[in-house]
């Protein structure tokens, strides 16, 4: 297995203090609905602007490409406003390694089932790449994700383990 970063960084994240999680959860209950409403409002404004820009983009492919990039970036930035939020399961299971192992097992099994599904005619091909976000493996570390994924036929891709573990389905390189 190729390790793309220092293996020390692949360990579990330290357990956060309970009071800090409780404060973040309380803030999340108030802030997350605001972010959701803001996200919908920004998406609606971009949709309306996009309808008017459609007339101009008929003549300029550069404007169309830039508008799509700007719209995508704006929607992602609004979504990142809630990145500090804490969910109820995170609050309840902080420090519970068995809970996080079960989450990783379930996530990798889901992606394995998708990737190993047979190719159906006139349907998109099964995904060959995936990313397991840190929220899934926080209590066990990226190394556990790598072990589970390698056992199911995945390969590691260059990864920033502080954000996600990227995987590639190795069976996709074989001829159909």
Protein backbone atom coordinates (compact mmCIF):
# COMPACT_ATOMS: atom_id res chain seq x y z
CA UNK A 1 0.00 0.00 0.00
CA UNK A 2 1.29 3.43 -0.88
CA UNK A 3 1.13 5.94 1.92
CA UNK A 4 0.93 9.48 0.60
CA UNK A 5 1.50 11.25 3.90
CA UNK A 6 3.21 10.68 7.20
CA UNK A 7 1.48 7.65 8.82
CA UNK A 8 1.31 9.55 12.13
CA UNK A 9 -1.37 11.78 10.62
CA UNK A 10 -3.54 8.74 9.80
CA UNK A 11 -4.44 8.15 13.45
CA UNK A 12 -7.72 9.01 15.14
CA UNK A 13 -8.46 12.63 15.92
CA UNK A 14 -8.26 13.58 19.59
CA UNK A 15 -11.53 13.48 21.50
CA UNK A 16 -13.08 16.93 21.71
CA UNK A 17 -14.29 18.21 25.10
CA UNK A 18 -17.96 17.51 25.76
CA UNK A 19 -18.73 21.13 26.66
CA UNK A 20 -17.24 22.34 23.37
CA UNK A 21 -19.35 19.87 21.40
CA UNK A 22 -22.46 20.88 23.34
CA UNK A 23 -21.85 24.56 22.53
CA UNK A 24 -21.24 23.76 18.88
CA UNK A 25 -24.38 21.63 18.74
CA UNK A 26 -26.44 24.44 20.27
CA UNK A 27 -25.01 26.85 17.72
CA UNK A 28 -25.67 24.34 14.95
CA UNK A 29 -29.35 24.12 15.87
CA UNK A 30 -29.64 27.86 15.31
CA UNK A 31 -27.11 28.41 12.51
CA UNK A 32 -27.74 25.43 10.18
CA UNK A 33 -31.33 26.42 9.25
CA UNK A 34 -30.07 29.93 8.46
CA UNK A 35 -27.40 28.48 6.16
CA UNK A 36 -30.01 26.26 4.47
CA UNK A 37 -32.27 29.23 3.78
CA UNK A 38 -29.29 31.27 2.56
CA UNK A 39 -28.20 28.41 0.27
CA UNK A 40 -31.70 28.14 -1.26
CA UNK A 41 -31.85 31.93 -1.73
CA UNK A 42 -28.44 32.04 -3.43
CA UNK A 43 -29.37 29.11 -5.67
CA UNK A 44 -32.65 30.85 -6.63
CA UNK A 45 -30.85 34.11 -7.45
CA UNK A 46 -28.28 32.24 -9.53
CA UNK A 47 -31.09 30.45 -11.36
CA UNK A 48 -32.81 33.73 -12.22
CA UNK A 49 -29.55 35.38 -13.29
CA UNK A 50 -28.75 32.25 -15.28
CA UNK A 51 -31.99 32.51 -17.23
CA UNK A 52 -31.11 36.06 -18.26
CA UNK A 53 -27.51 35.10 -18.95
CA UNK A 54 -28.73 32.29 -21.20
CA UNK A 55 -29.46 34.85 -23.90
CA UNK A 56 -25.89 36.15 -23.77
CA UNK A 57 -24.31 32.71 -23.52
CA UNK A 58 -25.82 31.79 -26.86
CA UNK A 59 -23.13 34.03 -28.33
CA UNK A 60 -20.30 33.61 -25.81
CA UNK A 61 -19.13 30.24 -24.51
CA UNK A 62 -16.56 31.99 -22.31
CA UNK A 63 -19.27 33.79 -20.35
CA UNK A 64 -21.19 30.55 -19.93
CA UNK A 65 -18.14 28.71 -18.55
CA UNK A 66 -17.29 31.57 -16.18
CA UNK A 67 -20.87 31.85 -14.95
CA UNK A 68 -21.04 28.13 -14.22
CA UNK A 69 -17.72 28.24 -12.35
CA UNK A 70 -18.78 31.31 -10.36
CA UNK A 71 -22.19 29.82 -9.52
CA UNK A 72 -20.67 26.52 -8.39
CA UNK A 73 -18.05 28.28 -6.29
CA UNK A 74 -20.67 30.51 -4.68
CA UNK A 75 -22.94 27.63 -3.74
CA UNK A 76 -19.99 25.68 -2.29
CA UNK A 77 -18.85 28.70 -0.26
CA UNK A 78 -22.30 29.10 1.24
CA UNK A 79 -22.35 25.40 2.12
CA UNK A 80 -18.98 25.71 3.87
CA UNK A 81 -20.49 28.23 6.30
CA UNK A 82 -21.89 25.22 8.18
CA UNK A 83 -18.64 23.22 8.23
CA UNK A 84 -18.16 23.77 11.98
CA UNK A 85 -21.62 22.44 12.85
CA UNK A 86 -21.93 19.34 15.04
CA UNK A 87 -24.66 16.77 14.49
CA UNK A 88 -26.51 14.88 17.21
CA UNK A 89 -24.71 11.57 16.47
CA UNK A 90 -21.35 13.33 16.69
CA UNK A 91 -22.32 14.78 20.05
CA UNK A 92 -23.51 11.43 21.40
CA UNK A 93 -20.71 9.21 20.05
CA UNK A 94 -17.58 11.36 20.38
CA UNK A 95 -14.75 9.06 21.43
CA UNK A 96 -16.67 5.83 20.67
CA UNK A 97 -14.32 3.90 18.35
CA UNK A 98 -16.81 1.07 17.74
CA UNK A 99 -19.40 3.55 16.45
CA UNK A 100 -16.90 5.07 14.00
CA UNK A 101 -15.71 1.62 12.89
CA UNK A 102 -19.31 0.71 12.07
CA UNK A 103 -19.72 3.98 10.12
CA UNK A 104 -16.56 3.29 8.11
CA UNK A 105 -17.58 -0.32 7.44
CA UNK A 106 -21.00 0.83 6.24
CA UNK A 107 -19.61 3.62 4.02
CA UNK A 108 -16.98 1.42 2.37
CA UNK A 109 -19.50 -1.40 1.87
CA UNK A 110 -21.92 1.05 0.22
CA UNK A 111 -19.24 2.29 -2.19
CA UNK A 112 -18.08 -1.28 -2.87
CA UNK A 113 -21.63 -2.34 -3.75
CA UNK A 114 -21.94 0.62 -6.11
CA UNK A 115 -18.56 0.08 -7.76
CA UNK A 116 -18.96 -3.68 -8.18
CA UNK A 117 -22.45 -3.43 -9.68
CA UNK A 118 -22.64 -4.77 -13.22
CA UNK A 119 -22.69 -2.31 -16.09
CA UNK A 120 -26.21 -1.86 -17.42
CA UNK A 121 -26.83 -0.81 -21.00
CA UNK A 122 -27.77 2.86 -21.46
CA UNK A 123 -27.00 3.61 -17.82
CA UNK A 124 -24.00 5.41 -16.34
CA UNK A 125 -21.03 3.24 -15.48
CA UNK A 126 -20.57 2.44 -11.79
CA UNK A 127 -18.30 4.87 -9.92
CA UNK A 128 -14.62 3.96 -9.74
CA UNK A 129 -13.55 6.68 -7.31
CA UNK A 130 -14.91 7.74 -3.95
CA UNK A 131 -14.00 9.87 -0.97
CA UNK A 132 -14.79 8.98 2.63
CA UNK A 133 -15.13 12.25 4.58
CA UNK A 134 -13.41 12.71 7.93
CA UNK A 135 -16.77 12.87 9.73
CA UNK A 136 -17.11 9.14 9.03
CA UNK A 137 -13.71 8.10 10.45
CA UNK A 138 -12.87 10.77 13.04
CA UNK A 139 -12.78 8.36 15.99
CA UNK A 140 -10.70 5.62 14.31
CA UNK A 141 -8.44 7.48 11.89
CA UNK A 142 -7.79 7.24 8.19
CA UNK A 143 -5.68 4.12 8.65
CA UNK A 144 -8.78 2.09 9.53
CA UNK A 145 -10.50 3.33 6.37
CA UNK A 146 -7.47 2.23 4.34
CA UNK A 147 -7.44 -1.23 5.94
CA UNK A 148 -11.15 -1.82 5.36
CA UNK A 149 -11.03 -0.48 1.80
CA UNK A 150 -7.95 -2.50 0.83
CA UNK A 151 -9.63 -5.66 2.11
CA UNK A 152 -12.58 -4.95 -0.20
CA UNK A 153 -10.50 -4.28 -3.33
CA UNK A 154 -9.96 -0.51 -3.21
CA UNK A 155 -6.67 1.32 -3.71
CA UNK A 156 -5.57 4.52 -2.01
CA UNK A 157 -5.32 7.73 -3.99
CA UNK A 158 -3.38 10.84 -2.97
CA UNK A 159 -5.27 12.00 0.07
CA UNK A 160 -5.47 14.83 2.57
CA UNK A 161 -6.42 12.66 5.53
CA UNK A 162 -7.46 15.77 7.48
CA UNK A 163 -10.41 16.14 5.09
CA UNK A 164 -11.10 12.79 3.44
CA UNK A 165 -9.63 9.48 2.31
CA UNK A 166 -9.79 9.08 -1.46
CA UNK A 167 -10.16 5.59 -2.91
CA UNK A 168 -10.12 4.07 -6.38
CA UNK A 169 -11.81 0.79 -7.35
CA UNK A 170 -8.96 -1.39 -8.60
CA UNK A 171 -11.24 -3.77 -10.53
CA UNK A 172 -12.09 -0.88 -12.89
CA UNK A 173 -8.67 -1.20 -14.55
CA UNK A 174 -9.45 -4.74 -15.71
CA UNK A 175 -11.03 -5.29 -19.10
CA UNK A 176 -14.79 -5.88 -19.15
